[in-house]
């Protein structure tokens, strides 16, 4: 029987070193990481103490590799210390920069012909009061007569620029409402009248509400049941009325109640509410903060009685009275609004 001989090689061989290409890739990776660590975008890699590394390497590879490994570790630690010192110096010298900004700065340094770009500072008005990026504020608009941006846009939307100074672009409106719903508590449009600058009737129609009428309010509205026989449906009347009001200066007394009944809101810059102008109260001898009725203002300033008798109000008569009150203070009122556009009417 032949003997079986087994040869066992117990010697530890050194691991094959990386080729030059692998070393280059690793070195490139290390350089990139150090760059990011220096800029503060990555935390510095925490390495174990040198003694622990030596003991680990000795247990894994034997005494032949300890000396070479120790030399490499010392070299890496020395370079890491330099990197830490460079990062601390960079932090002390100035604030942290983003990579995009740093590349722009480095590019300007290498060119040598242009100074490094500085962060864009907020626009500062020049000595003449102009600014390169933003218009000056509107705090002095009343003293200079300038218009704010918001006011200009509202004028553009309502075609107010074309309306100013043209009597054909100024109209007065008055609406009469009836009660709908439980107890007639809801106010719905039942008649609408619009007159021109000289009192000519541009529109006067009865309107049938979408909801059943539960209170005609005849004492104030002048509306009776027979007025609804040939009344125009609300949607159709609304369309006709808004076509007239479009691009006009609309005058009214407590006019926002009329707009609410129309389910419509006219631009504020193109609205003249005679119940909200202190100048009218001052001329009539009433307190400026008082919301005087149309009947009282008409009696005091126009020396005429309106809304008399038991037949209720006439929306044509009220609209004409409102236009005449507007013309009493038109020049002073429009001058005030033009000089201080930001103030409430």
Protein backbone atom coordinates (compact mmCIF):
# COMPACT_ATOMS: atom_id res chain seq x y z
CA UNK A 1 0.00 0.00 0.00
CA UNK A 2 1.56 3.25 -1.14
CA UNK A 3 2.01 6.17 1.24
CA UNK A 4 0.04 9.44 0.68
CA UNK A 5 2.17 12.52 1.13
CA UNK A 6 0.44 15.91 1.69
CA UNK A 7 2.53 19.08 1.46
CA UNK A 8 1.17 21.97 3.53
CA UNK A 9 2.63 25.45 3.10
CA UNK A 10 2.04 27.33 6.33
CA UNK A 11 4.00 30.44 5.40
CA UNK A 12 2.02 33.71 5.12
CA UNK A 13 2.37 35.35 1.74
CA UNK A 14 2.02 39.07 1.16
CA UNK A 15 -1.11 40.22 -0.54
CA UNK A 16 -0.55 41.32 -4.11
CA UNK A 17 -0.28 45.05 -4.40
CA UNK A 18 -2.82 47.04 -6.42
CA UNK A 19 -1.95 47.85 -9.94
CA UNK A 20 -1.13 51.41 -10.92
CA UNK A 21 -4.63 51.96 -12.32
CA UNK A 22 -6.29 50.93 -9.07
CA UNK A 23 -3.99 53.19 -7.11
CA UNK A 24 -4.86 56.13 -9.34
CA UNK A 25 -8.61 55.59 -8.92
CA UNK A 26 -8.23 55.32 -5.16
CA UNK A 27 -6.05 58.39 -5.01
CA UNK A 28 -8.59 60.35 -7.04
CA UNK A 29 -11.33 59.24 -4.65
CA UNK A 30 -9.25 60.29 -1.65
CA UNK A 31 -8.53 63.69 -3.17
CA UNK A 32 -12.21 64.30 -3.83
CA UNK A 33 -13.20 63.27 -0.35
CA UNK A 34 -10.58 65.51 1.21
CA UNK A 35 -11.77 68.39 -0.89
CA UNK A 36 -15.36 67.91 0.33
CA UNK A 37 -14.14 67.53 3.91
CA UNK A 38 -12.17 70.75 3.63
CA UNK A 39 -15.23 72.60 2.33
CA UNK A 40 -17.32 71.25 5.16
CA UNK A 41 -19.75 69.17 3.08
CA UNK A 42 -18.53 65.86 4.52
CA UNK A 43 -17.48 65.02 8.01
CA UNK A 44 -13.85 64.07 8.32
CA UNK A 45 -13.38 60.34 8.40
CA UNK A 46 -12.69 59.19 11.93
CA UNK A 47 -9.69 56.86 11.89
CA UNK A 48 -8.72 54.55 14.77
CA UNK A 49 -5.47 55.23 16.65
CA UNK A 50 -2.27 54.08 15.00
CA UNK A 51 -1.52 51.51 17.72
CA UNK A 52 -4.87 49.79 17.17
CA UNK A 53 -4.24 49.64 13.44
CA UNK A 54 -0.80 48.12 13.95
CA UNK A 55 -2.11 45.45 16.28
CA UNK A 56 -4.91 44.57 13.85
CA UNK A 57 -2.53 44.36 10.91
CA UNK A 58 -0.04 42.26 12.88
CA UNK A 59 -2.72 39.74 13.77
CA UNK A 60 -3.90 39.51 10.15
CA UNK A 61 -0.78 39.65 8.03
CA UNK A 62 2.22 38.84 10.18
CA UNK A 63 5.39 40.72 11.05
CA UNK A 64 6.54 41.19 7.46
CA UNK A 65 3.84 43.68 6.61
CA UNK A 66 3.80 45.67 9.87
CA UNK A 67 6.64 48.00 8.97
CA UNK A 68 5.29 48.92 5.52
CA UNK A 69 1.74 49.33 6.84
CA UNK A 70 2.98 51.55 9.68
CA UNK A 71 4.78 53.81 7.22
CA UNK A 72 1.68 54.20 5.06
CA UNK A 73 -0.49 54.94 8.09
CA UNK A 74 1.91 57.63 9.31
CA UNK A 75 1.89 59.23 5.87
CA UNK A 76 -1.91 59.26 5.73
CA UNK A 77 -2.21 60.64 9.27
CA UNK A 78 0.28 63.37 8.49
CA UNK A 79 -1.65 64.41 5.39
CA UNK A 80 -4.95 64.28 7.30
CA UNK A 81 -3.51 66.64 9.90
CA UNK A 82 -2.60 69.07 7.15
CA UNK A 83 -6.11 68.85 5.75
CA UNK A 84 -7.61 69.55 9.17
CA UNK A 85 -5.35 72.55 9.60
CA UNK A 86 -6.32 73.85 6.16
CA UNK A 87 -10.03 73.43 6.92
CA UNK A 88 -9.78 75.24 10.24
CA UNK A 89 -7.89 78.05 8.56
CA UNK A 90 -10.60 78.31 5.88
CA UNK A 91 -13.37 78.43 8.50
CA UNK A 92 -11.57 81.14 10.43
CA UNK A 93 -10.97 83.26 7.34
CA UNK A 94 -14.56 83.48 6.12
CA UNK A 95 -18.01 81.91 5.88
CA UNK A 96 -18.65 78.59 4.20
CA UNK A 97 -19.23 78.72 0.45
CA UNK A 98 -21.19 76.46 -1.82
CA UNK A 99 -19.37 74.55 -4.56
CA UNK A 100 -20.95 76.55 -7.37
CA UNK A 101 -19.82 79.79 -5.85
CA UNK A 102 -16.33 78.44 -5.20
CA UNK A 103 -15.89 77.35 -8.80
CA UNK A 104 -16.93 80.81 -9.97
CA UNK A 105 -14.36 82.38 -7.67
CA UNK A 106 -11.60 80.04 -8.77
CA UNK A 107 -12.41 80.69 -12.43
CA UNK A 108 -12.09 84.43 -11.92
CA UNK A 109 -8.75 84.06 -10.19
CA UNK A 110 -7.22 82.07 -13.02
CA UNK A 111 -8.38 84.47 -15.72
CA UNK A 112 -6.53 87.42 -14.21
CA UNK A 113 -8.56 89.94 -16.22
CA UNK A 114 -11.81 90.15 -14.28
CA UNK A 115 -12.41 90.64 -10.58
CA UNK A 116 -14.20 87.88 -8.72
CA UNK A 117 -18.00 88.30 -8.82
CA UNK A 118 -19.57 89.45 -5.59
CA UNK A 119 -22.99 88.30 -4.35
CA UNK A 120 -25.74 90.44 -5.76
CA UNK A 121 -26.74 93.04 -3.21
CA UNK A 122 -30.30 94.39 -2.88
CA UNK A 123 -31.05 97.36 -5.05
CA UNK A 124 -30.34 100.69 -3.37
CA UNK A 125 -31.97 103.82 -4.73
CA UNK A 126 -29.55 106.22 -6.36
CA UNK A 127 -29.20 109.87 -5.45
CA UNK A 128 -31.83 110.77 -7.98
CA UNK A 129 -34.32 108.44 -6.29
CA UNK A 130 -34.33 105.79 -8.99
CA UNK A 131 -33.53 102.10 -8.57
CA UNK A 132 -32.17 99.59 -11.02
CA UNK A 133 -34.43 96.72 -10.09
CA UNK A 134 -37.41 97.90 -8.06
CA UNK A 135 -39.51 101.06 -8.33
CA UNK A 136 -39.52 103.42 -5.41
CA UNK A 137 -42.25 103.13 -2.79
CA UNK A 138 -45.57 104.89 -2.89
CA UNK A 139 -45.44 106.51 0.52
CA UNK A 140 -45.14 109.97 -1.02
CA UNK A 141 -47.78 109.38 -3.68
CA UNK A 142 -50.13 111.94 -2.11
CA UNK A 143 -47.51 114.69 -2.18
CA UNK A 144 -46.18 113.86 -5.64
CA UNK A 145 -49.44 112.86 -7.27
CA UNK A 146 -48.02 109.48 -8.37
CA UNK A 147 -50.17 106.36 -8.66
CA UNK A 148 -49.41 103.12 -6.85
CA UNK A 149 -48.95 99.91 -8.81
CA UNK A 150 -52.16 98.39 -7.42
CA UNK A 151 -54.12 101.50 -8.32
CA UNK A 152 -52.74 101.51 -11.86
CA UNK A 153 -53.73 97.85 -12.40
CA UNK A 154 -57.25 98.46 -11.13
CA UNK A 155 -57.53 101.44 -13.47
CA UNK A 156 -56.35 99.28 -16.35
CA UNK A 157 -58.90 96.57 -15.59
CA UNK A 158 -61.84 98.98 -15.35
CA UNK A 159 -60.75 101.28 -18.19
CA UNK A 160 -60.80 104.12 -15.68
CA UNK A 161 -58.14 106.07 -17.57
CA UNK A 162 -60.50 106.40 -20.52
CA UNK A 163 -63.43 107.23 -18.25
CA UNK A 164 -61.91 110.18 -16.38
CA UNK A 165 -62.93 113.48 -17.87
CA UNK A 166 -65.62 111.96 -20.12
CA UNK A 167 -69.24 112.48 -18.94
CA UNK A 168 -70.39 109.62 -21.17
CA UNK A 169 -68.30 107.26 -19.03
CA UNK A 170 -70.00 108.24 -15.75
CA UNK A 171 -73.29 106.59 -14.77
CA UNK A 172 -75.44 106.46 -11.65
CA UNK A 173 -77.32 103.37 -10.51
CA UNK A 174 -80.10 102.62 -8.06
CA UNK A 175 -81.81 99.30 -7.37
CA UNK A 176 -85.01 98.32 -5.59
CA UNK A 177 -85.19 95.02 -3.72
CA UNK A 178 -87.94 92.69 -2.59
CA UNK A 179 -87.92 90.06 0.14
CA UNK A 180 -87.48 86.36 -0.57
CA UNK A 181 -87.08 83.30 1.62
CA UNK A 182 -88.62 82.74 5.06
CA UNK A 183 -90.18 85.97 6.31
CA UNK A 184 -88.77 87.88 3.34
CA UNK A 185 -85.45 88.32 5.09
CA UNK A 186 -83.39 87.90 1.91
CA UNK A 187 -83.09 90.88 -0.45
CA UNK A 188 -83.34 90.13 -4.18
CA UNK A 189 -83.22 92.52 -7.11
CA UNK A 190 -86.64 93.58 -8.49
CA UNK A 191 -85.87 96.81 -10.39
CA UNK A 192 -82.71 98.47 -11.68
CA UNK A 193 -82.32 101.97 -13.08
CA UNK A 194 -79.19 103.51 -14.62
CA UNK A 195 -78.93 107.17 -15.68
CA UNK A 196 -76.22 109.05 -17.53
CA UNK A 197 -74.22 112.09 -16.49
CA UNK A 198 -77.00 114.46 -17.54
CA UNK A 199 -79.82 112.39 -16.02
CA UNK A 200 -80.87 110.57 -19.19
CA UNK A 201 -82.30 107.10 -18.50
CA UNK A 202 -80.01 104.42 -19.92
CA UNK A 203 -81.72 101.42 -18.32
CA UNK A 204 -84.90 100.90 -16.32
CA UNK A 205 -86.42 97.44 -16.09
CA UNK A 206 -88.23 95.26 -13.59
CA UNK A 207 -86.41 92.06 -12.69
CA UNK A 208 -87.97 88.78 -11.61
CA UNK A 209 -85.93 87.16 -8.82
CA UNK A 210 -84.88 83.54 -9.11
CA UNK A 211 -86.51 82.78 -5.74
CA UNK A 212 -90.26 83.24 -4.96
CA UNK A 213 -91.11 86.66 -3.55
CA UNK A 214 -92.45 86.52 -0.01
CA UNK A 215 -92.47 90.29 0.73
CA UNK A 216 -92.78 92.99 -1.93
CA UNK A 217 -91.75 95.79 0.48
CA UNK A 218 -93.98 98.13 -1.54
CA UNK A 219 -93.72 100.99 0.96
CA UNK A 220 -90.02 101.36 0.18
CA UNK A 221 -89.48 99.53 -3.12
CA UNK A 222 -92.62 100.61 -4.95
CA UNK A 223 -92.83 97.05 -6.36
CA UNK A 224 -96.23 95.37 -6.74
CA UNK A 225 -97.31 91.98 -7.93
CA UNK A 226 -98.30 93.12 -11.42
CA UNK A 227 -94.78 94.49 -12.02
CA UNK A 228 -93.49 90.92 -12.12
CA UNK A 229 -95.80 89.84 -14.96
CA UNK A 230 -93.43 90.90 -17.74
CA UNK A 231 -90.31 91.24 -15.62
CA UNK A 232 -86.99 90.14 -17.05
CA UNK A 233 -85.40 87.03 -15.47
CA UNK A 234 -82.50 87.86 -13.18
CA UNK A 235 -79.78 86.20 -15.30
CA UNK A 236 -80.81 88.07 -18.44
CA UNK A 237 -81.09 91.39 -16.60
CA UNK A 238 -77.76 90.88 -14.89
CA UNK A 239 -76.04 90.39 -18.24
CA UNK A 240 -77.55 93.58 -19.69
CA UNK A 241 -76.70 95.66 -16.61
CA UNK A 242 -73.10 94.51 -16.38
CA UNK A 243 -72.56 95.32 -20.06
CA UNK A 244 -73.54 98.92 -19.29
CA UNK A 245 -71.40 99.20 -16.15
CA UNK A 246 -68.28 97.77 -17.78
CA UNK A 247 -65.56 100.43 -18.14
CA UNK A 248 -67.67 103.10 -16.40
CA UNK A 249 -67.34 105.17 -13.26
CA UNK A 250 -70.39 104.05 -11.27
CA UNK A 251 -72.01 106.49 -8.85
CA UNK A 252 -74.46 105.33 -6.22
CA UNK A 253 -75.67 105.90 -2.68
CA UNK A 254 -74.70 102.92 -0.50
CA UNK A 255 -73.95 101.40 -3.89
CA UNK A 256 -72.45 98.22 -2.49
CA UNK A 257 -75.96 97.11 -1.53
CA UNK A 258 -76.89 97.44 -5.21
CA UNK A 259 -73.80 95.46 -6.27
CA UNK A 260 -74.69 92.76 -3.76
CA UNK A 261 -78.19 92.45 -5.23
CA UNK A 262 -76.60 92.18 -8.68
CA UNK A 263 -74.15 89.57 -7.37
CA UNK A 264 -71.38 91.75 -8.73
CA UNK A 265 -68.54 93.91 -7.42
CA UNK A 266 -67.33 96.88 -9.44
CA UNK A 267 -63.66 97.94 -9.15
CA UNK A 268 -63.28 100.18 -6.13
CA UNK A 269 -61.21 102.74 -8.05
CA UNK A 270 -64.14 103.20 -10.46
CA UNK A 271 -66.84 103.46 -7.77
CA UNK A 272 -68.16 106.68 -6.23
CA UNK A 273 -70.35 106.12 -3.17
CA UNK A 274 -72.08 109.34 -2.10
CA UNK A 275 -72.77 107.88 1.34
CA UNK A 276 -69.04 107.58 2.06
CA UNK A 277 -67.67 111.01 1.10
CA UNK A 278 -67.07 113.40 4.03
CA UNK A 279 -67.03 116.39 1.67
CA UNK A 280 -70.74 116.03 0.96
CA UNK A 281 -71.58 115.89 4.66
CA UNK A 282 -69.39 118.94 5.27
CA UNK A 283 -71.21 120.94 2.59
CA UNK A 284 -74.57 119.80 3.98
CA UNK A 285 -73.56 120.70 7.54
CA UNK A 286 -73.68 117.08 8.77
CA UNK A 287 -70.98 115.32 10.82
CA UNK A 288 -68.31 113.99 8.47
CA UNK A 289 -68.37 110.47 9.91
CA UNK A 290 -72.18 110.22 9.61
CA UNK A 291 -73.74 108.12 6.84
CA UNK A 292 -76.44 110.56 5.82
CA UNK A 293 -79.43 109.30 3.86
CA UNK A 294 -79.96 110.18 0.22
CA UNK A 295 -83.21 111.96 1.11
CA UNK A 296 -81.50 114.27 3.66
CA UNK A 297 -78.55 115.09 1.40
CA UNK A 298 -80.86 115.87 -1.53
CA UNK A 299 -83.02 118.15 0.62
CA UNK A 300 -80.04 120.01 2.09
CA UNK A 301 -77.86 120.40 -1.02
CA UNK A 302 -80.29 120.21 -3.95
CA UNK A 303 -83.25 121.77 -2.09
CA UNK A 304 -85.57 119.07 -3.42
CA UNK A 305 -87.80 116.47 -1.80
CA UNK A 306 -87.59 112.85 -2.92
CA UNK A 307 -89.03 109.57 -1.65
CA UNK A 308 -92.31 111.16 -0.61
CA UNK A 309 -95.82 109.69 -0.63
CA UNK A 310 -97.04 106.13 -0.10
CA UNK A 311 -96.13 104.74 -3.49
CA UNK A 312 -92.58 103.87 -2.51
CA UNK A 313 -89.25 104.95 -3.96
CA UNK A 314 -88.53 105.54 -7.61
CA UNK A 315 -85.15 104.12 -8.61
CA UNK A 316 -84.91 106.57 -11.54
CA UNK A 317 -85.51 109.54 -9.23
CA UNK A 318 -82.95 108.24 -6.72
CA UNK A 319 -80.33 107.60 -9.40
CA UNK A 320 -80.74 111.14 -10.79
CA UNK A 321 -80.44 112.65 -7.29
CA UNK A 322 -77.28 110.63 -6.68
CA UNK A 323 -75.69 111.88 -9.93
CA UNK A 324 -76.53 115.50 -9.05
CA UNK A 325 -74.96 115.09 -5.60
CA UNK A 326 -71.85 113.67 -7.22
CA UNK A 327 -71.58 116.68 -9.53
CA UNK A 328 -71.75 119.04 -6.53
CA UNK A 329 -68.38 117.76 -5.28
CA UNK A 330 -67.05 116.19 -8.49
CA UNK A 331 -64.09 118.54 -9.05
CA UNK A 332 -62.83 118.50 -5.44
CA UNK A 333 -63.51 114.79 -5.01
CA UNK A 334 -61.69 113.68 -8.16
CA UNK A 335 -58.77 115.99 -7.37
CA UNK A 336 -58.49 114.42 -3.91
CA UNK A 337 -58.64 110.88 -5.31
CA UNK A 338 -56.01 111.68 -7.93
CA UNK A 339 -53.60 113.11 -5.35
CA UNK A 340 -54.13 110.33 -2.80
CA UNK A 341 -55.14 107.19 -4.74
CA UNK A 342 -54.33 104.85 -1.84
CA UNK A 343 -56.95 106.33 0.47
CA UNK A 344 -60.45 104.97 0.74
CA UNK A 345 -63.08 106.77 -1.24
